[in-house]
Amino acid sequence: MTNAHTSIFSRRARALGQWVTLFAALALAGCASSDGAIERWDLSKSAEAGSGGNTIRGADAIPVKSDQKTAVVFVRQVVAPTRAAEPANIYINGRYQTSLVGNVFTEVPLCAGQHSFVAAYSDYQRDYNTKSVVLPFTVKAGPAQYFLVTEDAQGLARLEPMPAEQGKAAADGVKRLQTHAVSRAVDRGCARQ
């Protein structure tokens, strides 16, 4: 090899070394910024239902911002242990809200008026056809309204409206707010719904 070839290889090696050093520094900076804590994701968190999220413990409460809105709470109490790990997906007006896994609830502030709700287990084998079983419901401004996720005779997820007292007791019984997903339910503002 000539000196020209050696200098090309040494320049490339030096450049590669600089890139490796840069990536190592960035990786260490990322670790250092976490204060040494290991990142942890939880599917749910302790919460109380029924006030539009105002009683959710933590900084990310979802306040009901208008007297035209009400908190709508979907509660899942697993009866069959074999279904506990299977998500029950909740859709509001055709948009994904969350997947209820285990004994949990989800809560969303909705404007008063007509809405459609769907509960469906993940059914990719049937191309999500069960998502078309829609429950139309009129949300009234005022106190929270509750729905219980149940299962029909065919094993499909269903929603049953619950009286406020029974719904509050059911949500308080599970005490876990589902938090692992970002809701796609659209809030277009009460004037436009």
Protein backbone atom coordinates (compact mmCIF):
# COMPACT_ATOMS: atom_id res chain seq x y z
CA MET A 1 0.00 0.00 0.00
CA THR A 2 1.10 3.47 -0.69
CA ASN A 3 1.05 6.40 1.67
CA ALA A 4 -1.92 7.84 -0.25
CA HIS A 5 -3.97 4.71 0.47
CA THR A 6 -2.91 4.69 4.11
CA SER A 7 -3.89 8.34 4.58
CA ILE A 8 -7.33 7.71 3.01
CA PHE A 9 -7.91 4.77 5.36
CA SER A 10 -6.72 6.70 8.39
CA ARG A 11 -8.99 9.66 7.50
CA ARG A 12 -11.97 7.32 7.13
CA ALA A 13 -11.13 5.58 10.40
CA ARG A 14 -10.81 8.94 12.13
CA ALA A 15 -14.18 10.10 10.70
CA LEU A 16 -15.79 6.82 11.78
CA GLY A 17 -14.32 7.25 15.25
CA GLN A 18 -15.76 10.76 15.46
CA TRP A 19 -19.23 9.48 14.49
CA VAL A 20 -19.03 6.68 17.08
CA THR A 21 -17.97 9.20 19.73
CA LEU A 22 -20.85 11.51 18.78
CA PHE A 23 -23.45 8.72 18.98
CA ALA A 24 -22.03 7.49 22.29
CA ALA A 25 -22.21 11.03 23.71
CA LEU A 26 -25.82 11.40 22.56
CA ALA A 27 -26.76 8.05 24.07
CA LEU A 28 -25.14 8.93 27.38
CA ALA A 29 -26.81 12.34 27.38
CA GLY A 30 -30.19 10.65 26.93
CA CYS A 31 -29.51 8.34 29.86
CA ALA A 32 -28.25 11.19 32.00
CA SER A 33 -31.35 13.30 31.35
CA SER A 34 -33.62 10.64 32.85
CA ASP A 35 -32.04 11.15 36.28
CA GLY A 36 -31.13 7.49 36.24
CA ALA A 37 -34.79 6.48 36.42
CA ILE A 38 -35.99 3.67 34.23
CA GLU A 39 -38.88 4.69 32.02
CA ARG A 40 -42.04 2.78 32.87
CA TRP A 41 -45.36 2.73 31.06
CA ASP A 42 -48.51 1.80 32.92
CA LEU A 43 -51.72 0.67 31.25
CA SER A 44 -53.82 2.39 33.89
CA LYS A 45 -53.65 4.62 36.95
CA SER A 46 -55.64 5.15 40.13
CA ALA A 47 -58.57 7.49 39.58
CA GLU A 48 -62.12 8.34 40.49
CA ALA A 49 -64.76 8.59 37.77
CA GLY A 50 -67.70 10.80 37.08
CA SER A 51 -66.71 14.45 37.10
CA GLY A 52 -65.23 14.77 33.65
CA GLY A 53 -61.83 13.83 34.94
CA ASN A 54 -61.60 16.52 37.60
CA THR A 55 -61.00 13.89 40.27
CA ILE A 56 -58.30 12.02 38.39
CA ARG A 57 -55.25 11.95 40.61
CA GLY A 58 -52.39 13.66 38.84
CA ALA A 59 -51.66 16.64 36.66
CA ASP A 60 -53.38 15.35 33.52
CA ALA A 61 -57.02 15.71 34.58
CA ILE A 62 -59.54 16.22 31.79
CA PRO A 63 -61.90 18.99 32.94
CA VAL A 64 -65.36 19.32 31.46
CA LYS A 65 -65.02 22.86 30.11
CA SER A 66 -68.64 23.63 29.36
CA ASP A 67 -72.03 23.30 30.99
CA GLN A 68 -73.08 21.77 27.64
CA LYS A 69 -70.78 18.79 28.23
CA THR A 70 -70.99 15.79 30.48
CA ALA A 71 -68.56 13.06 31.45
CA VAL A 72 -69.33 9.74 29.76
CA VAL A 73 -67.73 6.81 31.58
CA PHE A 74 -67.25 3.31 30.16
CA VAL A 75 -66.57 0.66 32.85
CA ARG A 76 -65.24 -2.84 32.29
CA GLN A 77 -65.62 -5.42 35.04
CA VAL A 78 -64.21 -8.73 33.81
CA VAL A 79 -66.44 -11.65 34.74
CA ALA A 80 -64.70 -14.40 32.73
CA PRO A 81 -61.00 -14.51 33.71
CA THR A 82 -60.13 -15.91 30.26
CA ARG A 83 -61.22 -12.58 28.72
CA ALA A 84 -59.33 -10.33 31.18
CA ALA A 85 -56.30 -9.81 28.94
CA GLU A 86 -58.39 -9.41 25.78
CA PRO A 87 -58.95 -5.72 25.03
CA ALA A 88 -62.49 -4.39 24.74
CA ASN A 89 -62.14 -1.50 22.28
CA ILE A 90 -64.36 1.55 22.77
CA TYR A 91 -65.37 3.75 19.81
CA ILE A 92 -67.17 7.08 20.08
CA ASN A 93 -68.82 8.42 16.92
CA GLY A 94 -66.75 5.95 14.89
CA ARG A 95 -63.46 7.09 16.46
CA TYR A 96 -61.25 5.00 18.73
CA GLN A 97 -61.32 6.03 22.40
CA THR A 98 -59.28 3.28 24.10
CA SER A 99 -58.91 -0.45 24.70
CA LEU A 100 -60.12 -1.50 28.13
CA VAL A 101 -57.83 -4.27 29.40
CA GLY A 102 -58.87 -5.94 32.65
CA ASN A 103 -60.97 -4.21 35.31
CA VAL A 104 -60.69 -0.54 34.28
CA PHE A 105 -62.69 2.44 33.05
CA THR A 106 -62.28 5.27 30.56
CA GLU A 107 -63.88 8.69 30.70
CA VAL A 108 -64.46 11.33 28.05
CA PRO A 109 -66.23 14.72 28.14
CA LEU A 110 -68.86 14.88 25.39
CA CYS A 111 -71.19 17.62 24.25
CA ALA A 112 -74.87 17.13 24.86
CA GLY A 113 -76.58 15.58 21.84
CA GLN A 114 -76.71 12.41 19.76
CA HIS A 115 -73.62 10.16 19.77
CA SER A 116 -72.84 6.59 18.76
CA PHE A 117 -70.93 4.20 21.01
CA VAL A 118 -69.41 0.81 20.17
CA ALA A 119 -67.67 -1.81 22.28
CA ALA A 120 -65.85 -4.54 20.34
CA TYR A 121 -63.19 -7.10 21.13
CA SER A 122 -60.24 -7.08 18.74
CA ASP A 123 -61.55 -9.26 15.90
CA TYR A 124 -59.03 -9.01 13.10
CA GLN A 125 -60.07 -12.51 11.94
CA ARG A 126 -63.49 -11.05 11.00
CA ASP A 127 -62.10 -7.76 9.65
CA TYR A 128 -63.48 -5.85 12.64
CA ASN A 129 -67.10 -6.42 11.51
CA THR A 130 -68.30 -6.26 15.12
CA LYS A 131 -67.38 -2.57 15.12
CA SER A 132 -70.54 -1.96 13.11
CA VAL A 133 -72.80 -2.86 16.08
CA VAL A 134 -73.53 0.75 17.09
CA LEU A 135 -75.43 1.91 20.16
CA PRO A 136 -76.97 5.35 19.47
CA PHE A 137 -77.32 7.41 22.62
CA THR A 138 -78.36 10.92 23.54
CA VAL A 139 -75.92 12.51 25.97
CA LYS A 140 -77.61 15.02 28.25
CA ALA A 141 -75.76 17.93 29.84
CA GLY A 142 -75.35 17.37 33.55
CA PRO A 143 -74.09 14.57 35.75
CA ALA A 144 -71.87 11.79 34.45
CA GLN A 145 -73.43 9.03 32.38
CA TYR A 146 -72.16 5.45 32.71
CA PHE A 147 -71.95 2.40 30.46
CA LEU A 148 -70.93 -1.11 31.44
CA VAL A 149 -69.00 -3.27 28.95
CA THR A 150 -70.71 -6.68 28.95
CA GLU A 151 -70.67 -9.78 26.78
CA ASP A 152 -73.68 -11.18 24.93
CA ALA A 153 -74.57 -14.84 24.31
CA GLN A 154 -72.40 -14.91 21.16
CA GLY A 155 -69.37 -13.67 23.10
CA LEU A 156 -69.42 -10.18 21.57
CA ALA A 157 -68.72 -7.07 23.63
CA ARG A 158 -71.73 -4.86 24.29
CA LEU A 159 -72.46 -1.62 26.15
CA GLU A 160 -75.27 -1.32 28.69
CA PRO A 161 -76.34 2.07 30.08
CA MET A 162 -76.16 2.17 33.88
CA PRO A 163 -77.92 4.40 36.42
CA ALA A 164 -75.52 7.05 37.79
CA GLU A 165 -75.30 5.58 41.30
CA GLN A 166 -74.66 2.05 40.02
CA GLY A 167 -72.15 3.33 37.42
CA LYS A 168 -70.25 5.41 39.99
CA ALA A 169 -70.06 2.37 42.30
CA ALA A 170 -68.82 0.18 39.41
CA ALA A 171 -66.13 2.70 38.40
CA ASP A 172 -65.09 3.18 42.02
CA GLY A 173 -64.91 -0.61 42.33
CA VAL A 174 -62.35 -0.95 39.53
CA LYS A 175 -60.48 2.27 40.50
CA ARG A 176 -58.20 2.12 37.46
CA LEU A 177 -58.38 4.61 34.56
CA GLN A 178 -57.13 3.17 31.26
CA THR A 179 -54.25 5.43 30.15
CA HIS A 180 -52.14 3.51 27.63
CA ALA A 181 -53.63 4.95 24.44
CA VAL A 182 -54.29 8.34 22.91
CA SER A 183 -57.99 8.89 22.23
CA ARG A 184 -58.98 9.60 18.64
CA ALA A 185 -62.47 10.71 19.70
CA VAL A 186 -62.86 14.16 18.17
CA ASP A 187 -64.05 17.13 20.22
CA ARG A 188 -65.36 19.54 17.59
CA GLY A 189 -66.83 21.93 20.11
CA CYS A 190 -70.40 21.89 21.30
CA ALA A 191 -71.63 24.56 18.88
CA ARG A 192 -70.75 22.44 15.83
CA GLN A 193 -71.98 19.02 16.91
